[in-house]
Amino acid sequence: MEVHETIASIRQSLLEQHQAGRSVGFVPTMGYLHDGHLSLMARSRAECDVTVVSIFVNPLQFAPNEDLSTYPRDLDRDLASCRTIGVDAVFAPDVNEMYPEQMLTSVSVAELGSTMEGAARPAHFTGVATVVTKLFNIVGPCRAYFGEKDYQQLAIVRKMARDLDQPVTVVGCPIVREPDGLAMSSRNVYLDEDERAAAPVLHRALQAGAATILAGERSAPAVRHLMAGIVEAEPLAQLDYAEVVDAATLRPVDPLAGPVRLLVAARFGRTRLLDNLGVEVPARG
């Protein structure tokens, strides 16, 4: 497995792969890899000739009061995981390699990035869109694999790639969960024992919201109220939002129809967790 620390090096390596006619699969990550990340790599391995993984904790997507300095990192462990899956190349730059001078350019996806996570973390999605654009420019034509756990991020990256004619096919992959339903996340390591036991309430709230839709509920406020009530009944959970939106546009939809996405976010102590679930609203009759 090749490990590259410079843009020039990974570009040259992938240029040779493109020139040889090999398809490239790309999995962008911030490291501290878990089974969710590994499932993206395995999907890429199954569908592409070459799989490249980036490991980079992007400072642009962290606000000053967020966990940039304490975000979990373990490059040796991550590289071992990549080797286990059979990844062909890892791009692991430092901050100075990605941002050698002050960034005066940014990328934003206006409407999709202003609600939910965008409202809670105003600069977050501009930081995400900017670094993903840089990574797409570095990697070149590829299939890029993103987990559905960060569903709003996935929608933003898809729209960005279409709007900017980036030579990238964005592939969304299912959420990987712990046996009790908790969505896998690098931030789960922050949870203490009691918080970890409480955290699956997010998945239970989503399941309840989905069940009431499938049973005939078409009122978005009623579904939001149901999900919010379940999360708020957990003493260790501090609800941020519970939403139901159109799955493609992320816009509010009421009455509910077609494919929708249920999304929740809450804090457990100092740890903020997200989860979501897709539902196809049955046609009446």
Protein backbone atom coordinates (compact mmCIF):
# COMPACT_ATOMS: atom_id res chain seq x y z
CA MET A 1 0.00 0.00 0.00
CA GLU A 2 1.36 3.39 -0.99
CA VAL A 3 1.28 6.17 1.61
CA HIS A 4 1.52 9.71 0.22
CA GLU A 5 2.02 12.87 2.23
CA THR A 6 2.21 15.40 -0.61
CA ILE A 7 -0.27 16.51 -3.24
CA ALA A 8 2.33 16.13 -5.99
CA SER A 9 3.03 12.54 -5.02
CA ILE A 10 -0.58 11.31 -4.87
CA ARG A 11 -1.42 13.19 -8.08
CA GLN A 12 1.41 11.53 -9.97
CA SER A 13 0.46 8.10 -8.68
CA LEU A 14 -3.19 8.50 -9.67
CA LEU A 15 -2.30 10.08 -13.00
CA GLU A 16 -0.48 6.88 -13.86
CA GLN A 17 -3.57 4.86 -12.86
CA HIS A 18 -5.84 7.03 -15.01
CA GLN A 19 -3.47 6.79 -17.96
CA ALA A 20 -3.48 3.02 -17.62
CA GLY A 21 -7.27 3.07 -17.91
CA ARG A 22 -7.93 1.97 -14.34
CA SER A 23 -11.00 3.21 -12.47
CA VAL A 24 -10.39 4.99 -9.17
CA GLY A 25 -12.51 4.80 -6.04
CA PHE A 26 -11.97 7.49 -3.41
CA VAL A 27 -12.93 7.44 0.27
CA PRO A 28 -12.33 10.81 2.01
CA THR A 29 -12.06 10.52 5.82
CA MET A 30 -10.84 12.39 8.87
CA GLY A 31 -9.28 9.22 10.20
CA TYR A 32 -9.85 7.31 13.43
CA LEU A 33 -11.42 4.72 11.18
CA HIS A 34 -14.26 2.44 12.25
CA ASP A 35 -16.31 -0.25 10.52
CA GLY A 36 -18.42 2.37 8.77
CA HIS A 37 -15.35 3.74 7.01
CA LEU A 38 -14.15 0.24 6.24
CA SER A 39 -17.47 -0.58 4.58
CA LEU A 40 -16.94 2.35 2.19
CA MET A 41 -13.47 1.08 1.34
CA ALA A 42 -14.79 -2.43 0.76
CA ARG A 43 -17.49 -1.04 -1.55
CA SER A 44 -14.84 0.86 -3.50
CA ARG A 45 -12.66 -2.24 -3.72
CA ALA A 46 -15.60 -4.18 -5.15
CA GLU A 47 -16.48 -1.56 -7.77
CA CYS A 48 -13.16 0.06 -8.78
CA ASP A 49 -9.72 -1.03 -9.94
CA VAL A 50 -7.88 1.23 -7.49
CA THR A 51 -8.98 2.46 -4.06
CA VAL A 52 -7.47 5.55 -2.46
CA VAL A 53 -8.30 6.83 1.03
CA SER A 54 -7.56 10.29 2.37
CA ILE A 55 -6.94 10.86 6.08
CA PHE A 56 -7.05 14.53 6.99
CA VAL A 57 -8.62 16.36 9.93
CA ASN A 58 -9.81 19.49 8.14
CA PRO A 59 -9.54 22.62 10.30
CA LEU A 60 -11.84 24.65 8.03
CA GLN A 61 -14.91 22.74 9.17
CA PHE A 62 -14.35 23.29 12.91
CA ALA A 63 -15.53 26.41 14.74
CA PRO A 64 -13.16 27.90 17.37
CA ASN A 65 -15.17 26.31 20.23
CA GLU A 66 -15.27 22.83 18.64
CA ASP A 67 -13.09 19.76 19.09
CA LEU A 68 -10.37 20.25 16.46
CA SER A 69 -7.50 19.90 18.94
CA THR A 70 -9.00 16.83 20.64
CA TYR A 71 -10.48 15.09 17.59
CA PRO A 72 -9.33 11.45 17.86
CA ARG A 73 -6.28 10.61 15.74
CA ASP A 74 -4.29 7.40 15.31
CA LEU A 75 -2.59 7.25 11.92
CA ASP A 76 -0.75 3.98 12.52
CA ARG A 77 -4.00 2.25 13.47
CA ASP A 78 -5.74 3.77 10.45
CA LEU A 79 -3.04 2.61 8.05
CA ALA A 80 -3.25 -0.91 9.48
CA SER A 81 -7.03 -0.90 8.91
CA CYS A 82 -6.56 0.27 5.31
CA ARG A 83 -4.06 -2.51 4.68
CA THR A 84 -6.52 -5.06 6.07
CA ILE A 85 -9.16 -3.98 3.54
CA GLY A 86 -6.67 -3.92 0.66
CA VAL A 87 -6.56 -0.18 0.01
CA ASP A 88 -4.07 0.68 -2.73
CA ALA A 89 -3.04 4.18 -1.63
CA VAL A 90 -3.52 6.51 1.33
CA PHE A 91 -3.19 10.28 1.12
CA ALA A 92 -2.30 11.60 4.60
CA PRO A 93 -1.19 15.22 4.27
CA ASP A 94 -0.53 17.63 7.12
CA VAL A 95 -2.27 21.00 7.41
CA ASN A 96 0.59 22.90 5.81
CA GLU A 97 0.45 20.66 2.75
CA MET A 98 -3.27 21.26 2.25
CA TYR A 99 -3.25 24.93 3.26
CA PRO A 100 0.26 26.33 2.65
CA GLU A 101 -1.05 29.89 2.78
CA GLN A 102 -4.15 31.72 3.91
CA MET A 103 -7.22 30.46 2.08
CA LEU A 104 -9.06 33.28 0.30
CA THR A 105 -11.29 30.91 -1.67
CA SER A 106 -14.19 28.90 -0.31
CA VAL A 107 -17.02 26.77 -1.66
CA SER A 108 -20.55 26.84 -0.29
CA VAL A 109 -23.83 25.22 -1.29
CA ALA A 110 -26.19 27.93 -0.14
CA GLU A 111 -29.65 26.52 0.53
CA LEU A 112 -28.66 22.98 1.44
CA GLY A 113 -26.00 24.17 3.87
CA SER A 114 -28.08 26.66 5.86
CA THR A 115 -30.43 24.40 7.83
CA MET A 116 -30.04 21.71 10.51
CA GLU A 117 -26.27 21.17 10.83
CA GLY A 118 -25.69 24.41 8.94
CA ALA A 119 -27.78 26.34 11.46
CA ALA A 120 -26.06 24.67 14.42
CA ARG A 121 -22.54 25.02 12.91
CA PRO A 122 -22.66 27.99 10.50
CA ALA A 123 -19.17 27.62 8.95
CA HIS A 124 -19.13 23.84 8.92
CA PHE A 125 -20.41 23.01 5.44
CA THR A 126 -18.36 25.71 3.75
CA GLY A 127 -15.30 24.04 5.28
CA VAL A 128 -16.51 20.62 4.14
CA ALA A 129 -17.32 21.73 0.59
CA THR A 130 -14.00 23.53 0.27
CA VAL A 131 -11.83 20.63 1.38
CA VAL A 132 -13.82 18.08 -0.64
CA THR A 133 -13.42 20.25 -3.73
CA LYS A 134 -9.67 20.37 -3.11
CA LEU A 135 -9.57 16.59 -2.66
CA PHE A 136 -11.61 15.98 -5.82
CA ASN A 137 -9.20 18.25 -7.73
CA ILE A 138 -6.24 16.30 -6.36
CA VAL A 139 -7.64 12.81 -6.98
CA GLY A 140 -9.22 13.52 -10.37
CA PRO A 141 -11.99 11.47 -12.02
CA CYS A 142 -13.31 8.91 -9.56
CA ARG A 143 -16.19 7.33 -7.72
CA ALA A 144 -16.28 8.99 -4.29
CA TYR A 145 -17.84 7.05 -1.42
CA PHE A 146 -19.62 8.81 1.45
CA GLY A 147 -21.63 7.32 4.31
CA GLU A 148 -25.28 8.23 4.72
CA LYS A 149 -24.70 8.86 8.43
CA ASP A 150 -23.85 12.48 7.57
CA TYR A 151 -26.83 12.71 5.23
CA GLN A 152 -26.92 16.49 4.86
CA GLN A 153 -23.22 16.45 3.98
CA LEU A 154 -23.87 13.77 1.35
CA ALA A 155 -26.64 15.86 -0.22
CA ILE A 156 -24.37 18.91 -0.28
CA VAL A 157 -21.48 17.05 -1.90
CA ARG A 158 -23.80 15.57 -4.53
CA LYS A 159 -25.21 18.99 -5.41
CA MET A 160 -21.75 20.57 -5.45
CA ALA A 161 -20.41 17.92 -7.82
CA ARG A 162 -23.34 18.49 -10.19
CA ASP A 163 -23.20 22.28 -10.04
CA LEU A 164 -19.44 22.46 -10.61
CA ASP A 165 -19.30 19.65 -13.21
CA GLN A 166 -16.73 17.83 -11.12
CA PRO A 167 -15.69 14.54 -12.80
CA VAL A 168 -16.85 12.56 -9.79
CA THR A 169 -19.66 10.09 -9.20
CA VAL A 170 -20.78 10.54 -5.59
CA VAL A 171 -21.90 7.23 -4.07
CA GLY A 172 -23.93 7.16 -0.85
CA CYS A 173 -23.49 4.05 1.31
CA PRO A 174 -25.74 2.74 4.12
CA ILE A 175 -25.13 3.61 7.76
CA VAL A 176 -23.23 0.96 9.71
CA ARG A 177 -24.61 0.49 13.22
CA GLU A 178 -23.62 -1.07 16.49
CA PRO A 179 -25.79 -4.04 17.60
CA ASP A 180 -27.96 -1.69 19.70
CA GLY A 181 -28.61 0.63 16.75
CA LEU A 182 -26.12 3.41 17.47
CA ALA A 183 -24.68 4.77 14.23
CA MET A 184 -20.92 4.29 14.10
CA SER A 185 -18.97 7.54 14.45
CA SER A 186 -15.42 8.48 15.35
CA ARG A 187 -16.89 10.71 18.06
CA ASN A 188 -18.52 7.77 19.87
CA VAL A 189 -15.19 7.31 21.65
CA TYR A 190 -15.99 10.49 23.62
CA LEU A 191 -19.04 8.91 25.30
CA ASP A 192 -18.75 7.69 28.86
CA GLU A 193 -20.49 4.46 29.89
CA ASP A 194 -23.83 6.06 30.79
CA GLU A 195 -23.88 8.28 27.70
CA ARG A 196 -23.07 5.32 25.48
CA ALA A 197 -26.02 3.44 26.96
CA ALA A 198 -28.30 6.43 26.31
CA ALA A 199 -27.14 7.25 22.77
CA PRO A 200 -29.24 4.63 20.88
CA VAL A 201 -32.29 6.73 21.75
CA LEU A 202 -31.58 8.60 18.49
CA HIS A 203 -32.14 5.46 16.44
CA ARG A 204 -35.24 4.56 18.46
CA ALA A 205 -36.71 8.00 17.78
CA LEU A 206 -36.08 7.61 14.06
CA GLN A 207 -37.62 4.14 14.03
CA ALA A 208 -40.70 5.47 15.82
CA GLY A 209 -41.00 8.32 13.32
CA ALA A 210 -40.72 5.90 10.41
CA ALA A 211 -43.26 3.52 11.93
CA THR A 212 -45.88 6.24 12.38
CA ILE A 213 -45.40 7.37 8.77
CA LEU A 214 -45.80 3.81 7.50
CA ALA A 215 -48.93 3.51 9.68
CA GLY A 216 -50.50 6.47 7.88
CA GLU A 217 -49.25 9.68 9.55
CA ARG A 218 -48.73 12.44 6.96
CA SER A 219 -48.22 15.47 9.22
CA ALA A 220 -44.57 16.53 9.38
CA PRO A 221 -45.05 18.46 12.65
CA ALA A 222 -46.60 15.37 14.24
CA VAL A 223 -43.63 13.21 13.21
CA ARG A 224 -41.14 15.81 14.44
CA HIS A 225 -43.00 16.09 17.75
CA LEU A 226 -42.97 12.31 18.21
CA MET A 227 -39.23 11.99 17.54
CA ALA A 228 -38.37 15.01 19.69
CA GLY A 229 -40.41 13.67 22.59
CA ILE A 230 -38.59 10.33 22.56
CA VAL A 231 -35.16 11.98 22.59
CA GLU A 232 -36.15 14.53 25.23
CA ALA A 233 -37.41 11.73 27.49
CA GLU A 234 -33.81 10.50 27.79
CA PRO A 235 -32.25 12.47 30.68
CA LEU A 236 -28.73 12.36 29.24
CA ALA A 237 -29.79 13.63 25.79
CA GLN A 238 -30.01 17.32 24.94
CA LEU A 239 -31.98 17.56 21.70
CA ASP A 240 -30.67 19.87 19.00
CA TYR A 241 -33.22 19.13 16.28
CA ALA A 242 -35.61 16.51 14.95
CA GLU A 243 -36.61 17.03 11.32
CA VAL A 244 -38.38 15.35 8.44
CA VAL A 245 -37.49 16.67 4.99
CA ASP A 246 -37.61 15.78 1.31
CA ALA A 247 -34.84 13.22 0.78
CA ALA A 248 -33.39 14.93 -2.30
CA THR A 249 -33.79 18.66 -1.61
CA LEU A 250 -33.74 18.63 2.22
CA ARG A 251 -36.66 21.07 2.08
CA PRO A 252 -39.57 20.78 4.53
CA VAL A 253 -42.45 18.75 3.13
CA ASP A 254 -46.00 18.74 4.54
CA PRO A 255 -48.07 16.69 4.03
CA LEU A 256 -45.48 13.96 3.74
CA ALA A 257 -45.13 12.28 0.35
CA GLY A 258 -42.52 10.39 -1.65
CA PRO A 259 -39.04 9.66 -0.27
CA VAL A 260 -38.37 11.58 2.94
CA ARG A 261 -35.49 11.63 5.41
CA LEU A 262 -35.83 11.75 9.17
CA LEU A 263 -32.89 13.41 10.91
CA VAL A 264 -32.00 13.97 14.57
CA ALA A 265 -29.09 15.53 16.43
CA ALA A 266 -28.46 15.68 20.16
CA ARG A 267 -25.72 16.16 22.72
CA PHE A 268 -24.73 13.53 25.23
CA GLY A 269 -22.47 15.38 27.64
CA ARG A 270 -19.79 17.03 25.48
CA THR A 271 -20.48 14.76 22.50
CA ARG A 272 -22.81 15.77 19.69
CA LEU A 273 -24.22 12.88 17.65
CA LEU A 274 -26.24 12.69 14.44
CA ASP A 275 -28.46 10.01 12.96
CA ASN A 276 -30.99 9.69 10.17
CA LEU A 277 -33.32 7.24 8.45
CA GLY A 278 -34.95 7.17 5.02
CA VAL A 279 -38.65 6.41 4.53
CA GLU A 280 -40.66 5.95 1.34
CA VAL A 281 -44.10 7.37 2.20
CA PRO A 282 -46.75 4.95 0.94
CA ALA A 283 -49.27 6.34 -1.50
CA ARG A 284 -52.73 6.53 0.03
CA GLY A 285 -55.05 3.75 -1.03
